[in-house]
Structure formats: structure tokens, C-alpha cells
């Protein structure tokens, strides 16, 4: 059975909304949203929540020497390598 994405019910659309968002596709271009104000409002609310969450936990780039410091810490913890 094929699924007609243009004729989804709100329940069907909302069941697949997480997949749609995760796909990276522009969810606002989904055909269901062209005719459904309730689902458009839901998507807008989710986008607002996601943006607020990004602002609470901004992405910070690690310092350039991070991996060098991790490697040094591991070597210090392991101690000198003993020959067999």
C-alpha cells in the first residue's frame, strides 16, 4: 500500500513529524501544512522550543589542544610503558 503524503490526517502527520524534522528536510514545506493551521502552529511551537533550547546550551568549540591534553593525561595515568 502506498502512502499519499498529500492527504495525511493530523494524527498521521504528527506521528511522522519527528522523522520529518530529523531528516533535515524543511518541514514547513510539507503538503499537509499547506492546509492545516493546527499542525502549522504545532511546528512553529516546536521550532520555538528548539531555538530556546539552543540558546540555553550554546555550542562551544573546544580549545585546539584538547586532544593533546587528553592524550597526555592518559599517558600520565598509564605510566611508562614496560618492555616485554
N, C-alpha and C. Protein backbone atom coordinates (compact mmCIF):
# COMPACT_ATOMS: atom_id res chain seq x y z
N UNK A 1 0.85 -1.18 0.00
CA UNK A 1 0.00 0.00 0.00
C UNK A 1 0.88 1.24 0.00
N UNK A 2 0.61 2.18 -0.87
CA UNK A 2 1.39 3.42 -0.91
C UNK A 2 0.72 4.47 -0.05
N UNK A 3 1.53 5.36 0.46
CA UNK A 3 1.02 6.39 1.36
C UNK A 3 0.94 7.70 0.58
N UNK A 4 -0.21 8.34 0.60
CA UNK A 4 -0.38 9.64 -0.05
C UNK A 4 -0.02 10.72 0.97
N UNK A 5 1.18 11.24 0.83
CA UNK A 5 1.66 12.24 1.79
C UNK A 5 0.87 13.54 1.71
N UNK A 6 0.16 13.76 0.62
CA UNK A 6 -0.61 14.98 0.47
C UNK A 6 -1.96 14.90 1.19
N UNK A 7 -2.37 13.72 1.59
CA UNK A 7 -3.69 13.54 2.17
C UNK A 7 -3.60 12.89 3.55
N UNK A 8 -2.64 13.30 4.34
CA UNK A 8 -2.49 12.74 5.69
C UNK A 8 -3.44 13.43 6.66
N UNK A 9 -3.86 12.67 7.65
CA UNK A 9 -4.63 13.27 8.74
C UNK A 9 -3.64 13.95 9.69
N UNK A 10 -4.14 14.76 10.59
CA UNK A 10 -3.26 15.41 11.57
C UNK A 10 -2.52 14.36 12.40
N UNK A 11 -3.22 13.31 12.80
CA UNK A 11 -2.60 12.27 13.62
C UNK A 11 -1.46 11.60 12.85
N UNK A 12 -1.70 11.27 11.59
CA UNK A 12 -0.66 10.63 10.77
C UNK A 12 0.53 11.57 10.59
N UNK A 13 0.25 12.84 10.31
CA UNK A 13 1.32 13.81 10.13
C UNK A 13 2.15 13.93 11.40
N UNK A 14 1.47 14.06 12.55
CA UNK A 14 2.17 14.25 13.81
C UNK A 14 2.96 13.01 14.22
N UNK A 15 2.48 11.83 13.83
CA UNK A 15 3.22 10.60 14.12
C UNK A 15 4.55 10.56 13.37
N UNK A 16 4.62 11.22 12.23
CA UNK A 16 5.83 11.23 11.41
C UNK A 16 6.62 12.54 11.52
N UNK A 17 6.15 13.46 12.35
CA UNK A 17 6.78 14.77 12.45
C UNK A 17 8.21 14.68 12.96
N UNK A 18 8.48 13.84 13.94
CA UNK A 18 9.85 13.71 14.46
C UNK A 18 10.79 13.24 13.36
N UNK A 19 10.37 12.27 12.57
CA UNK A 19 11.18 11.79 11.44
C UNK A 19 11.43 12.89 10.44
N UNK A 20 10.40 13.66 10.16
CA UNK A 20 10.50 14.75 9.19
C UNK A 20 11.51 15.78 9.66
N UNK A 21 11.43 16.16 10.92
CA UNK A 21 12.36 17.15 11.47
C UNK A 21 13.78 16.59 11.48
N UNK A 22 13.93 15.33 11.90
CA UNK A 22 15.25 14.71 11.98
C UNK A 22 15.90 14.55 10.61
N UNK A 23 15.10 14.46 9.57
CA UNK A 23 15.63 14.25 8.22
C UNK A 23 16.39 15.48 7.71
N UNK A 24 16.15 16.63 8.34
CA UNK A 24 16.78 17.85 7.87
C UNK A 24 15.98 18.53 6.77
N UNK A 25 14.94 17.87 6.33
CA UNK A 25 14.06 18.43 5.30
C UNK A 25 13.35 19.65 5.89
N UNK A 26 13.02 20.60 5.06
CA UNK A 26 12.28 21.78 5.51
C UNK A 26 10.84 21.36 5.81
N UNK A 27 10.57 21.11 7.07
CA UNK A 27 9.25 20.59 7.48
C UNK A 27 8.13 21.53 7.09
N UNK A 28 8.40 22.82 7.04
CA UNK A 28 7.35 23.78 6.73
C UNK A 28 6.84 23.65 5.29
N UNK A 29 7.56 22.93 4.46
CA UNK A 29 7.14 22.74 3.06
C UNK A 29 6.29 21.48 2.87
N UNK A 30 6.03 20.77 3.96
CA UNK A 30 5.23 19.55 3.86
C UNK A 30 3.83 19.90 3.38
N UNK A 31 3.30 19.14 2.42
CA UNK A 31 1.97 19.46 1.87
C UNK A 31 0.86 19.54 2.92
N UNK A 32 0.91 18.73 3.95
CA UNK A 32 -0.14 18.76 4.97
C UNK A 32 -0.23 20.14 5.62
N UNK A 33 0.91 20.78 5.80
CA UNK A 33 0.93 22.08 6.47
C UNK A 33 0.31 23.20 5.63
N UNK A 34 0.20 22.96 4.34
CA UNK A 34 -0.40 23.97 3.47
C UNK A 34 -1.89 24.16 3.76
N UNK A 35 -2.50 23.12 4.33
CA UNK A 35 -3.95 23.18 4.57
C UNK A 35 -4.34 23.04 6.04
N UNK A 36 -3.36 22.85 6.93
CA UNK A 36 -3.70 22.59 8.33
C UNK A 36 -3.07 23.62 9.26
N UNK A 37 -3.87 24.53 9.74
CA UNK A 37 -3.38 25.58 10.64
C UNK A 37 -2.93 25.00 11.98
N UNK A 38 -3.61 23.96 12.46
CA UNK A 38 -3.23 23.37 13.75
C UNK A 38 -1.83 22.77 13.71
N UNK A 39 -1.51 22.03 12.66
CA UNK A 39 -0.19 21.42 12.56
C UNK A 39 0.88 22.47 12.27
N UNK A 40 0.52 23.52 11.52
CA UNK A 40 1.48 24.63 11.32
C UNK A 40 1.82 25.27 12.66
N UNK A 41 0.81 25.47 13.50
CA UNK A 41 1.04 26.06 14.82
C UNK A 41 1.88 25.14 15.68
N UNK A 42 1.64 23.83 15.61
CA UNK A 42 2.43 22.86 16.36
C UNK A 42 3.89 22.93 15.93
N UNK A 43 4.13 22.94 14.63
CA UNK A 43 5.51 23.03 14.13
C UNK A 43 6.17 24.33 14.58
N UNK A 44 5.45 25.43 14.53
CA UNK A 44 6.01 26.71 14.98
C UNK A 44 6.37 26.65 16.46
N UNK A 45 5.51 26.03 17.27
CA UNK A 45 5.80 25.88 18.70
C UNK A 45 7.06 25.03 18.92
N UNK A 46 7.17 23.93 18.19
CA UNK A 46 8.35 23.06 18.32
C UNK A 46 9.62 23.78 17.91
N UNK A 47 9.54 24.58 16.85
CA UNK A 47 10.71 25.34 16.41
C UNK A 47 11.11 26.38 17.45
N UNK A 48 10.12 27.01 18.09
CA UNK A 48 10.40 27.98 19.16
C UNK A 48 11.08 27.31 20.35
N UNK A 49 10.58 26.14 20.73
CA UNK A 49 11.17 25.38 21.84
C UNK A 49 12.60 24.97 21.50
N UNK A 50 12.82 24.50 20.28
CA UNK A 50 14.17 24.07 19.87
C UNK A 50 15.13 25.25 19.90
N UNK A 51 14.71 26.40 19.44
CA UNK A 51 15.58 27.58 19.44
C UNK A 51 15.90 28.00 20.87
N UNK A 52 14.91 27.96 21.75
CA UNK A 52 15.15 28.31 23.15
C UNK A 52 16.14 27.34 23.78
N UNK A 53 16.04 26.07 23.46
CA UNK A 53 16.97 25.08 23.99
C UNK A 53 18.38 25.34 23.49
N UNK A 54 18.52 25.70 22.21
CA UNK A 54 19.86 26.01 21.67
C UNK A 54 20.47 27.21 22.39
N UNK A 55 19.66 28.17 22.77
CA UNK A 55 20.17 29.34 23.47
C UNK A 55 20.57 29.01 24.90
N UNK A 56 19.89 28.05 25.52
CA UNK A 56 20.24 27.64 26.87
C UNK A 56 21.59 26.91 26.91
N UNK A 57 21.85 26.15 25.87
CA UNK A 57 23.07 25.34 25.81
C UNK A 57 23.81 25.64 24.52
N UNK A 58 24.45 26.80 24.45
CA UNK A 58 25.15 27.15 23.21
C UNK A 58 26.30 26.18 22.93
N UNK A 59 26.54 25.96 21.66
CA UNK A 59 27.63 25.07 21.27
C UNK A 59 28.94 25.84 21.39
N UNK A 60 29.85 25.25 22.12
CA UNK A 60 31.16 25.87 22.28
C UNK A 60 32.20 24.97 21.63
N UNK A 61 33.10 25.58 20.89
CA UNK A 61 34.18 24.83 20.27
C UNK A 61 35.27 24.56 21.30
N UNK A 62 35.77 23.32 21.35
CA UNK A 62 36.84 23.02 22.30
C UNK A 62 38.14 23.71 21.87
N UNK A 63 39.01 23.92 22.83
CA UNK A 63 40.30 24.52 22.52
C UNK A 63 41.07 23.59 21.59
N UNK A 64 41.94 24.18 20.79
CA UNK A 64 42.66 23.40 19.77
C UNK A 64 43.51 22.29 20.36
N UNK A 65 44.02 22.48 21.57
CA UNK A 65 44.92 21.47 22.14
C UNK A 65 44.19 20.42 22.99
N UNK A 66 42.88 20.35 22.87
CA UNK A 66 42.10 19.43 23.69
C UNK A 66 42.58 17.99 23.55
N UNK A 67 42.70 17.49 22.32
CA UNK A 67 43.09 16.09 22.13
C UNK A 67 44.50 15.83 22.64
N UNK A 68 45.40 16.82 22.47
CA UNK A 68 46.76 16.67 23.00
C UNK A 68 46.74 16.54 24.52
N UNK A 69 45.90 17.35 25.18
CA UNK A 69 45.80 17.29 26.64
C UNK A 69 45.19 15.97 27.11
N UNK A 70 44.21 15.47 26.37
CA UNK A 70 43.61 14.18 26.72
C UNK A 70 44.65 13.06 26.58
N UNK A 71 45.38 13.07 25.49
CA UNK A 71 46.40 12.05 25.26
C UNK A 71 47.46 12.10 26.35
N UNK A 72 47.90 13.29 26.73
CA UNK A 72 48.91 13.45 27.78
C UNK A 72 48.38 12.93 29.12
N UNK A 73 47.12 13.22 29.43
CA UNK A 73 46.52 12.76 30.69
C UNK A 73 46.44 11.23 30.71
N UNK A 74 46.12 10.63 29.59
CA UNK A 74 46.05 9.17 29.53
C UNK A 74 47.43 8.56 29.73
N UNK A 75 48.41 9.14 29.08
CA UNK A 75 49.78 8.62 29.21
C UNK A 75 50.27 8.74 30.65
N UNK A 76 49.96 9.85 31.30
CA UNK A 76 50.37 10.03 32.69
C UNK A 76 49.70 8.99 33.59
N UNK A 77 48.43 8.72 33.33
CA UNK A 77 47.68 7.77 34.14
C UNK A 77 48.20 6.34 33.94
N UNK A 78 48.57 6.02 32.72
CA UNK A 78 49.06 4.66 32.43
C UNK A 78 50.49 4.44 32.93
N UNK A 79 51.23 5.50 33.05
CA UNK A 79 52.63 5.37 33.47
C UNK A 79 53.50 4.96 32.30
N UNK A 80 54.78 4.79 32.54
CA UNK A 80 55.68 4.42 31.44
C UNK A 80 55.39 3.01 30.94
N UNK A 81 55.59 2.82 29.65
CA UNK A 81 55.36 1.52 29.04
C UNK A 81 56.55 0.63 29.36
N UNK A 82 56.26 -0.55 29.89
CA UNK A 82 57.29 -1.51 30.26
C UNK A 82 57.55 -2.45 29.09
N UNK A 83 58.82 -2.66 28.72
CA UNK A 83 59.12 -3.61 27.64
C UNK A 83 58.80 -5.03 28.08
N UNK A 84 58.42 -5.89 27.14
CA UNK A 84 58.09 -7.29 27.44
C UNK A 84 59.30 -8.10 27.79
